[in-house]
Amino acid sequence: MTRDNDPAPVQPSSPVPARPHPPRTPEPDSGRRPAFLPQRTVLILFIAVCVGIGAGALTFFVSKSQPGAVLAGGTAFGGCTAWLNNLVAH
C-alpha cells in the first residue's frame, strides 16, 4: 500500500563526471583598454609622416624656401595618406 505523498522511485542515472567543465583561462587582454588607434591607421600615418618629412627636406635643400618646403611636405603627407589608405584597403 502506497501513500499519495510518497516520493516516486529514483531512476538510475549516469555517473556525475569528475570535472563537468574545463577550467577557464583568463582572457589575455581582459582589463586592458582598447587601442586608441588601430595598427593599420598608425602604420599609414607613420609612413605618410616619413614621406612628408623627406619631401619637405628635399624641397628645402633644393630651394632654400621654408614655406615651399612646408607646402611640399604637407602635400606629400596628404597624398601619401590617401594613396596608402586605398592601397591597404584592397
PDB file of N, CA and C in Angstrom:
ATOM      1  N   MET A   1       0.833  -1.162   0.000  1.00  0.00           N
ATOM      2  CA  MET A   1       0.000   0.000   0.000  1.00  0.00           C
ATOM      3  C   MET A   1       0.886   1.236   0.000  1.00  0.00           C
ATOM      4  N   THR A   2       0.622   2.131  -0.913  1.00  0.00           N
ATOM      5  CA  THR A   2       1.434   3.346  -1.025  1.00  0.00           C
ATOM      6  C   THR A   2       0.584   4.544  -0.667  1.00  0.00           C
ATOM      7  N   ARG A   3       1.245   5.498  -0.152  1.00  0.00           N
ATOM      8  CA  ARG A   3       0.566   6.749   0.165  1.00  0.00           C
ATOM      9  C   ARG A   3       0.736   7.723  -0.988  1.00  0.00           C
ATOM     10  N   ASP A   4      -0.145   8.693  -1.041  1.00  0.00           N
ATOM     11  CA  ASP A   4      -0.091   9.670  -2.135  1.00  0.00           C
ATOM     12  C   ASP A   4       1.104  10.616  -2.020  1.00  0.00           C
ATOM     13  N   ASN A   5       1.628  10.861  -0.840  1.00  0.00           N
ATOM     14  CA  ASN A   5       2.723  11.820  -0.690  1.00  0.00           C
ATOM     15  C   ASN A   5       4.081  11.143  -0.662  1.00  0.00           C
ATOM     16  N   ASP A   6       4.174   9.835  -0.962  1.00  0.00           N
ATOM     17  CA  ASP A   6       5.471   9.165  -1.039  1.00  0.00           C
ATOM     18  C   ASP A   6       6.193   9.619  -2.303  1.00  0.00           C
ATOM     19  N   PRO A   7       7.528   9.808  -2.223  1.00  0.00           N
ATOM     20  CA  PRO A   7       8.258  10.222  -3.425  1.00  0.00           C
ATOM     21  C   PRO A   7       8.271   9.094  -4.441  1.00  0.00           C
ATOM     22  N   ALA A   8       8.409   9.474  -5.693  1.00  0.00           N
ATOM     23  CA  ALA A   8       8.463   8.495  -6.765  1.00  0.00           C
ATOM     24  C   ALA A   8       9.777   7.732  -6.669  1.00  0.00           C
ATOM     25  N   PRO A   9       9.804   6.524  -7.173  1.00  0.00           N
ATOM     26  CA  PRO A   9      11.061   5.772  -7.102  1.00  0.00           C
ATOM     27  C   PRO A   9      12.150   6.474  -7.922  1.00  0.00           C
ATOM     28  N   VAL A  10      13.369   6.425  -7.450  1.00  0.00           N
ATOM     29  CA  VAL A  10      14.502   7.072  -8.099  1.00  0.00           C
ATOM     30  C   VAL A  10      14.979   6.202  -9.242  1.00  0.00           C
ATOM     31  N   GLN A  11      15.113   6.833 -10.416  1.00  0.00           N
ATOM     32  CA  GLN A  11      15.599   6.133 -11.596  1.00  0.00           C
ATOM     33  C   GLN A  11      17.120   6.195 -11.619  1.00  0.00           C
ATOM     34  N   PRO A  12      17.774   5.093 -11.993  1.00  0.00           N
ATOM     35  CA  PRO A  12      19.245   5.158 -12.071  1.00  0.00           C
ATOM     36  C   PRO A  12      19.659   6.115 -13.180  1.00  0.00           C
ATOM     37  N   SER A  13      20.742   6.830 -12.967  1.00  0.00           N
ATOM     38  CA  SER A  13      21.245   7.775 -13.956  1.00  0.00           C
ATOM     39  C   SER A  13      22.730   7.525 -14.167  1.00  0.00           C
ATOM     40  N   SER A  14      23.277   8.219 -15.147  1.00  0.00           N
ATOM     41  CA  SER A  14      24.697   8.069 -15.420  1.00  0.00           C
ATOM     42  C   SER A  14      25.491   8.720 -14.302  1.00  0.00           C
ATOM     43  N   PRO A  15      26.711   8.282 -14.083  1.00  0.00           N
ATOM     44  CA  PRO A  15      27.509   8.870 -13.008  1.00  0.00           C
ATOM     45  C   PRO A  15      27.871  10.322 -13.332  1.00  0.00           C
ATOM     46  N   VAL A  16      28.017  11.101 -12.307  1.00  0.00           N
ATOM     47  CA  VAL A  16      28.369  12.508 -12.453  1.00  0.00           C
ATOM     48  C   VAL A  16      29.842  12.590 -12.827  1.00  0.00           C
ATOM     49  N   PRO A  17      30.191  13.348 -13.876  1.00  0.00           N
ATOM     50  CA  PRO A  17      31.605  13.444 -14.243  1.00  0.00           C
ATOM     51  C   PRO A  17      32.403  14.154 -13.156  1.00  0.00           C
ATOM     52  N   ALA A  18      33.669  13.791 -13.058  1.00  0.00           N
ATOM     53  CA  ALA A  18      34.520  14.384 -12.030  1.00  0.00           C
ATOM     54  C   ALA A  18      34.697  15.879 -12.268  1.00  0.00           C
ATOM     55  N   ARG A  19      34.873  16.278 -13.529  1.00  0.00           N
ATOM     56  CA  ARG A  19      35.012  17.694 -13.881  1.00  0.00           C
ATOM     57  C   ARG A  19      33.961  18.015 -14.919  1.00  0.00           C
ATOM     58  N   PRO A  20      32.892  18.707 -14.542  1.00  0.00           N
ATOM     59  CA  PRO A  20      31.848  18.982 -15.523  1.00  0.00           C
ATOM     60  C   PRO A  20      32.293  19.955 -16.615  1.00  0.00           C
ATOM     61  N   HIS A  21      33.154  20.896 -16.289  1.00  0.00           N
ATOM     62  CA  HIS A  21      33.611  21.889 -17.268  1.00  0.00           C
ATOM     63  C   HIS A  21      35.114  22.048 -17.117  1.00  0.00           C
ATOM     64  N   PRO A  22      35.821  22.261 -18.232  1.00  0.00           N
ATOM     65  CA  PRO A  22      37.263  22.500 -18.112  1.00  0.00           C
ATOM     66  C   PRO A  22      37.499  23.846 -17.425  1.00  0.00           C
ATOM     67  N   PRO A  23      38.616  23.983 -16.747  1.00  0.00           N
ATOM     68  CA  PRO A  23      38.887  25.272 -16.077  1.00  0.00           C
ATOM     69  C   PRO A  23      39.052  26.374 -17.101  1.00  0.00           C
ATOM     70  N   ARG A  24      38.530  27.535 -16.783  1.00  0.00           N
ATOM     71  CA  ARG A  24      38.618  28.674 -17.693  1.00  0.00           C
ATOM     72  C   ARG A  24      39.943  29.364 -17.523  1.00  0.00           C
ATOM     73  N   THR A  25      40.531  29.713 -18.629  1.00  0.00           N
ATOM     74  CA  THR A  25      41.738  30.518 -18.592  1.00  0.00           C
ATOM     75  C   THR A  25      41.323  31.974 -18.778  1.00  0.00           C
ATOM     76  N   PRO A  26      41.953  32.885 -18.082  1.00  0.00           N
ATOM     77  CA  PRO A  26      41.563  34.291 -18.231  1.00  0.00           C
ATOM     78  C   PRO A  26      41.897  34.784 -19.625  1.00  0.00           C
ATOM     79  N   GLU A  27      41.105  35.718 -20.100  1.00  0.00           N
ATOM     80  CA  GLU A  27      41.341  36.335 -21.403  1.00  0.00           C
ATOM     81  C   GLU A  27      42.681  37.061 -21.356  1.00  0.00           C
ATOM     82  N   PRO A  28      43.474  36.989 -22.428  1.00  0.00           N
ATOM     83  CA  PRO A  28      44.793  37.627 -22.389  1.00  0.00           C
ATOM     84  C   PRO A  28      44.740  39.145 -22.246  1.00  0.00           C
ATOM     85  N   ASP A  29      43.707  39.783 -22.778  1.00  0.00           N
ATOM     86  CA  ASP A  29      43.657  41.240 -22.686  1.00  0.00           C
ATOM     87  C   ASP A  29      42.495  41.714 -21.822  1.00  0.00           C
ATOM     88  N   SER A  30      42.052  40.890 -20.890  1.00  0.00           N
ATOM     89  CA  SER A  30      40.966  41.334 -20.022  1.00  0.00           C
ATOM     90  C   SER A  30      41.503  42.404 -19.074  1.00  0.00           C
ATOM     91  N   GLY A  31      40.768  43.452 -18.913  1.00  0.00           N
ATOM     92  CA  GLY A  31      41.186  44.542 -18.049  1.00  0.00           C
ATOM     93  C   GLY A  31      42.008  45.601 -18.768  1.00  0.00           C
ATOM     94  N   ARG A  32      42.360  45.368 -20.008  1.00  0.00           N
ATOM     95  CA  ARG A  32      43.112  46.363 -20.753  1.00  0.00           C
ATOM     96  C   ARG A  32      42.166  47.206 -21.584  1.00  0.00           C
ATOM     97  N   ARG A  33      42.528  48.449 -21.742  1.00  0.00           N
ATOM     98  CA  ARG A  33      41.728  49.333 -22.585  1.00  0.00           C
ATOM     99  C   ARG A  33      41.994  49.022 -24.047  1.00  0.00           C
ATOM    100  N   PRO A  34      41.006  49.264 -24.911  1.00  0.00           N
ATOM    101  CA  PRO A  34      41.255  49.056 -26.340  1.00  0.00           C
ATOM    102  C   PRO A  34      42.250  50.089 -26.858  1.00  0.00           C
ATOM    103  N   ALA A  35      42.874  49.773 -27.962  1.00  0.00           N
ATOM    104  CA  ALA A  35      43.873  50.667 -28.542  1.00  0.00           C
ATOM    105  C   ALA A  35      43.229  51.978 -28.979  1.00  0.00           C
ATOM    106  N   PHE A  36      43.980  53.060 -28.852  1.00  0.00           N
ATOM    107  CA  PHE A  36      43.476  54.377 -29.238  1.00  0.00           C
ATOM    108  C   PHE A  36      43.273  54.450 -30.747  1.00  0.00           C
ATOM    109  N   LEU A  37      44.235  53.924 -31.500  1.00  0.00           N
ATOM    110  CA  LEU A  37      44.146  53.868 -32.957  1.00  0.00           C
ATOM    111  C   LEU A  37      44.477  52.444 -33.402  1.00  0.00           C
ATOM    112  N   PRO A  38      43.809  51.964 -34.427  1.00  0.00           N
ATOM    113  CA  PRO A  38      44.165  50.638 -34.947  1.00  0.00           C
ATOM    114  C   PRO A  38      45.574  50.630 -35.544  1.00  0.00           C
ATOM    115  N   GLN A  39      46.181  49.459 -35.614  1.00  0.00           N
ATOM    116  CA  GLN A  39      47.542  49.351 -36.144  1.00  0.00           C
ATOM    117  C   GLN A  39      47.616  49.804 -37.594  1.00  0.00           C
ATOM    118  N   ARG A  40      46.582  49.556 -38.354  1.00  0.00           N
ATOM    119  CA  ARG A  40      46.572  49.957 -39.765  1.00  0.00           C
ATOM    120  C   ARG A  40      46.688  51.476 -39.885  1.00  0.00           C
ATOM    121  N   THR A  41      45.943  52.196 -39.068  1.00  0.00           N
ATOM    122  CA  THR A  41      45.966  53.658 -39.102  1.00  0.00           C
ATOM    123  C   THR A  41      47.327  54.185 -38.669  1.00  0.00           C
ATOM    124  N   VAL A  42      47.887  53.597 -37.625  1.00  0.00           N
ATOM    125  CA  VAL A  42      49.193  54.039 -37.136  1.00  0.00           C
ATOM    126  C   VAL A  42      50.260  53.819 -38.203  1.00  0.00           C
ATOM    127  N   LEU A  43      50.220  52.673 -38.869  1.00  0.00           N
ATOM    128  CA  LEU A  43      51.202  52.387 -39.906  1.00  0.00           C
ATOM    129  C   LEU A  43      51.084  53.365 -41.078  1.00  0.00           C
ATOM    130  N   ILE A  44      49.858  53.629 -41.509  1.00  0.00           N
ATOM    131  CA  ILE A  44      49.650  54.555 -42.623  1.00  0.00           C
ATOM    132  C   ILE A  44      50.143  55.953 -42.254  1.00  0.00           C
ATOM    133  N   LEU A  45      49.805  56.426 -41.070  1.00  0.00           N
ATOM    134  CA  LEU A  45      50.236  57.769 -40.668  1.00  0.00           C
ATOM    135  C   LEU A  45      51.744  57.849 -40.483  1.00  0.00           C
ATOM    136  N   PHE A  46      52.357  56.803 -39.949  1.00  0.00           N
ATOM    137  CA  PHE A  46      53.811  56.819 -39.766  1.00  0.00           C
ATOM    138  C   PHE A  46      54.530  56.902 -41.105  1.00  0.00           C
ATOM    139  N   ILE A  47      54.116  56.084 -42.056  1.00  0.00           N
ATOM    140  CA  ILE A  47      54.759  56.110 -43.373  1.00  0.00           C
ATOM    141  C   ILE A  47      54.520  57.459 -44.052  1.00  0.00           C
ATOM    142  N   ALA A  48      53.306  57.995 -43.929  1.00  0.00           N
ATOM    143  CA  ALA A  48      52.994  59.285 -44.553  1.00  0.00           C
ATOM    144  C   ALA A  48      53.813  60.419 -43.930  1.00  0.00           C
ATOM    145  N   VAL A  49      54.013  60.377 -42.617  1.00  0.00           N
ATOM    146  CA  VAL A  49      54.844  61.407 -41.971  1.00  0.00           C
ATOM    147  C   VAL A  49      56.281  61.312 -42.469  1.00  0.00           C
ATOM    148  N   CYS A  50      56.800  60.104 -42.591  1.00  0.00           N
ATOM    149  CA  CYS A  50      58.170  59.931 -43.094  1.00  0.00           C
ATOM    150  C   CYS A  50      58.302  60.460 -44.516  1.00  0.00           C
ATOM    151  N   VAL A  51      57.324  60.168 -45.363  1.00  0.00           N
ATOM    152  CA  VAL A  51      57.360  60.657 -46.748  1.00  0.00           C
ATOM    153  C   VAL A  51      57.250  62.186 -46.769  1.00  0.00           C
ATOM    154  N   GLY A  52      56.369  62.752 -45.936  1.00  0.00           N
ATOM    155  CA  GLY A  52      56.210  64.211 -45.889  1.00  0.00           C
ATOM    156  C   GLY A  52      57.467  64.908 -45.416  1.00  0.00           C
ATOM    157  N   ILE A  53      58.120  64.352 -44.395  1.00  0.00           N
ATOM    158  CA  ILE A  53      59.370  64.953 -43.910  1.00  0.00           C
ATOM    159  C   ILE A  53      60.457  64.856 -44.984  1.00  0.00           C
ATOM    160  N   GLY A  54      60.515  63.707 -45.644  1.00  0.00           N
ATOM    161  CA  GLY A  54      61.513  63.548 -46.707  1.00  0.00           C
ATOM    162  C   GLY A  54      61.284  64.519 -47.854  1.00  0.00           C
ATOM    163  N   ALA A  55      60.039  64.657 -48.274  1.00  0.00           N
ATOM    164  CA  ALA A  55      59.742  65.584 -49.367  1.00  0.00           C
ATOM    165  C   ALA A  55      60.018  67.025 -48.956  1.00  0.00           C
ATOM    166  N   GLY A  56      59.666  67.364 -47.734  1.00  0.00           N
ATOM    167  CA  GLY A  56      59.932  68.731 -47.271  1.00  0.00           C
ATOM    168  C   GLY A  56      61.420  69.022 -47.158  1.00  0.00           C
ATOM    169  N   ALA A  57      62.181  68.050 -46.658  1.00  0.00           N
ATOM    170  CA  ALA A  57      63.626  68.249 -46.521  1.00  0.00           C
ATOM    171  C   ALA A  57      64.290  68.383 -47.890  1.00  0.00           C
ATOM    172  N   LEU A  58      63.906  67.512 -48.817  1.00  0.00           N
ATOM    173  CA  LEU A  58      64.499  67.609 -50.156  1.00  0.00           C
ATOM    174  C   LEU A  58      64.131  68.923 -50.837  1.00  0.00           C
ATOM    175  N   THR A  59      62.903  69.376 -50.654  1.00  0.00           N
ATOM    176  CA  THR A  59      62.489  70.654 -51.241  1.00  0.00           C
ATOM    177  C   THR A  59      63.266  71.813 -50.629  1.00  0.00           C
ATOM    178  N   PHE A  60      63.484  71.751 -49.313  1.00  0.00           N
ATOM    179  CA  PHE A  60      64.231  72.822 -48.657  1.00  0.00           C
ATOM    180  C   PHE A  60      65.685  72.851 -49.121  1.00  0.00           C
ATOM    181  N   PHE A  61      66.293  71.663 -49.289  1.00  0.00           N
ATOM    182  CA  PHE A  61      67.689  71.630 -49.733  1.00  0.00           C
ATOM    183  C   PHE A  61      67.852  72.180 -51.147  1.00  0.00           C
ATOM    184  N   VAL A  62      66.830  72.020 -51.971  1.00  0.00           N
ATOM    185  CA  VAL A  62      66.913  72.494 -53.353  1.00  0.00           C
ATOM    186  C   VAL A  62      66.599  73.979 -53.445  1.00  0.00           C
ATOM    187  N   SER A  63      65.503  74.418 -52.789  1.00  0.00           N
ATOM    188  CA  SER A  63      65.033  75.791 -52.994  1.00  0.00           C
ATOM    189  C   SER A  63      65.377  76.748 -51.861  1.00  0.00           C
ATOM    190  N   LYS A  64      65.811  76.247 -50.729  1.00  0.00           N
ATOM    191  CA  LYS A  64      66.115  77.067 -49.534  1.00  0.00           C
ATOM    192  C   LYS A  64      64.920  77.930 -49.111  1.00  0.00           C
ATOM    193  N   SER A  65      63.724  77.422 -49.370  1.00  0.00           N
ATOM    194  CA  SER A  65      62.498  78.144 -49.025  1.00  0.00           C
ATOM    195  C   SER A  65      61.728  77.331 -47.979  1.00  0.00           C
ATOM    196  N   GLN A  66      61.589  77.900 -46.786  1.00  0.00           N
ATOM    197  CA  GLN A  66      60.862  77.184 -45.731  1.00  0.00           C
ATOM    198  C   GLN A  66      59.373  77.032 -46.049  1.00  0.00           C
ATOM    199  N   PRO A  67      58.685  78.086 -46.492  1.00  0.00           N
ATOM    200  CA  PRO A  67      57.265  77.890 -46.827  1.00  0.00           C
ATOM    201  C   PRO A  67      57.050  76.870 -47.938  1.00  0.00           C
ATOM    202  N   GLY A  68      57.921  76.881 -48.918  1.00  0.00           N
ATOM    203  CA  GLY A  68      57.805  75.905 -50.008  1.00  0.00           C
ATOM    204  C   GLY A  68      58.033  74.484 -49.507  1.00  0.00           C
ATOM    205  N   ALA A  69      58.974  74.329 -48.569  1.00  0.00           N
ATOM    206  CA  ALA A  69      59.253  73.007 -48.021  1.00  0.00           C
ATOM    207  C   ALA A  69      58.074  72.507 -47.195  1.00  0.00           C
ATOM    208  N   VAL A  70      57.448  73.401 -46.437  1.00  0.00           N
ATOM    209  CA  VAL A  70      56.284  73.011 -45.631  1.00  0.00           C
ATOM    210  C   VAL A  70      55.122  72.625 -46.542  1.00  0.00           C
ATOM    211  N   LEU A  71      54.899  73.403 -47.592  1.00  0.00           N
ATOM    212  CA  LEU A  71      53.826  73.070 -48.532  1.00  0.00           C
ATOM    213  C   LEU A  71      54.084  71.746 -49.244  1.00  0.00           C
ATOM    214  N   ALA A  72      55.310  71.525 -49.640  1.00  0.00           N
ATOM    215  CA  ALA A  72      55.645  70.271 -50.317  1.00  0.00           C
ATOM    216  C   ALA A  72      55.495  69.081 -49.367  1.00  0.00           C
ATOM    217  N   GLY A  73      55.952  69.241 -48.129  1.00  0.00           N
ATOM    218  CA  GLY A  73      55.826  68.165 -47.146  1.00  0.00           C
ATOM    219  C   GLY A  73      54.381  67.873 -46.796  1.00  0.00           C
ATOM    220  N   GLY A  74      53.578  68.920 -46.639  1.00  0.00           N
ATOM    221  CA  GLY A  74      52.154  68.725 -46.339  1.00  0.00           C
ATOM    222  C   GLY A  74      51.406  68.071 -47.477  1.00  0.00           C
ATOM    223  N   THR A  75      51.743  68.482 -48.697  1.00  0.00           N
ATOM    224  CA  THR A  75      51.101  67.879 -49.862  1.00  0.00           C
ATOM    225  C   THR A  75      51.501  66.413 -49.999  1.00  0.00           C
ATOM    226  N   ALA A  76      52.771  66.121 -49.771  1.00  0.00           N
ATOM    227  CA  ALA A  76      53.233  64.737 -49.849  1.00  0.00           C
ATOM    228  C   ALA A  76      52.592  63.892 -48.751  1.00  0.00           C
ATOM    229  N   PHE A  77      52.444  64.449 -47.550  1.00  0.00           N
ATOM    230  CA  PHE A  77      51.793  63.730 -46.453  1.00  0.00           C
ATOM    231  C   PHE A  77      50.346  63.397 -46.800  1.00  0.00           C
ATOM    232  N   GLY A  78      49.604  64.392 -47.289  1.00  0.00           N
ATOM    233  CA  GLY A  78      48.202  64.167 -47.633  1.00  0.00           C
ATOM    234  C   GLY A  78      48.024  63.174 -48.766  1.00  0.00           C
ATOM    235  N   GLY A  79      48.833  63.327 -49.804  1.00  0.00           N
ATOM    236  CA  GLY A  79      48.738  62.399 -50.928  1.00  0.00           C
ATOM    237  C   GLY A  79      49.131  60.984 -50.551  1.00  0.00           C
ATOM    238  N   CYS A  80      50.167  60.868 -49.749  1.00  0.00           N
ATOM    239  CA  CYS A  80      50.622  59.546 -49.332  1.00  0.00           C
ATOM    240  C   CYS A  80      49.595  58.880 -48.419  1.00  0.00           C
ATOM    241  N   THR A  81      48.953  59.658 -47.553  1.00  0.00           N
ATOM    242  CA  THR A  81      47.924  59.098 -46.674  1.00  0.00           C
ATOM    243  C   THR A  81      46.762  58.539 -47.494  1.00  0.00           C
ATOM    244  N   ALA A  82      46.294  59.311 -48.452  1.00  0.00           N
ATOM    245  CA  ALA A  82      45.181  58.843 -49.289  1.00  0.00           C
ATOM    246  C   ALA A  82      45.585  57.624 -50.113  1.00  0.00           C
ATOM    247  N   TRP A  83      46.787  57.641 -50.680  1.00  0.00           N
ATOM    248  CA  TRP A  83      47.238  56.532 -51.508  1.00  0.00           C
ATOM    249  C   TRP A  83      47.410  55.248 -50.687  1.00  0.00           C
ATOM    250  N   LEU A  84      48.045  55.372 -49.516  1.00  0.00           N
ATOM    251  CA  LEU A  84      48.237  54.190 -48.671  1.00  0.00           C
ATOM    252  C   LEU A  84      46.912  53.647 -48.150  1.00  0.00           C
ATOM    253  N   ASN A  85      45.974  54.528 -47.852  1.00  0.00           N
ATOM    254  CA  ASN A  85      44.670  54.071 -47.380  1.00  0.00           C
ATOM    255  C   ASN A  85      43.973  53.230 -48.453  1.00  0.00           C
ATOM    256  N   ASN A  86      44.032  53.686 -49.699  1.00  0.00           N
ATOM    257  CA  ASN A  86      43.450  52.904 -50.793  1.00  0.00           C
ATOM    258  C   ASN A  86      44.237  51.629 -51.055  1.00  0.00           C
ATOM    259  N   LEU A  87      45.550  51.706 -50.938  1.00  0.00           N
ATOM    260  CA  LEU A  87      46.385  50.538 -51.210  1.00  0.00           C
ATOM    261  C   LEU A  87      46.145  49.435 -50.175  1.00  0.00           C
ATOM    262  N   VAL A  88      46.093  49.789 -48.895  1.00  0.00           N
ATOM    263  CA  VAL A  88      45.923  48.795 -47.847  1.00  0.00           C
ATOM    264  C   VAL A  88      44.493  48.277 -47.802  1.00  0.00           C
ATOM    265  N   ALA A  89      43.524  49.079 -48.209  1.00  0.00           N
ATOM    266  CA  ALA A  89      42.124  48.656 -48.169  1.00  0.00           C
ATOM    267  C   ALA A  89      41.853  47.531 -49.150  1.00  0.00           C
ATOM    268  N   HIS A  90      42.605  47.451 -50.233  1.00  0.00           N
ATOM    269  CA  HIS A  90      42.347  46.422 -51.238  1.00  0.00           C
ATOM    270  C   HIS A  90      43.322  45.345 -51.071  1.00  0.00           C
TER     271      HIS A  90
END
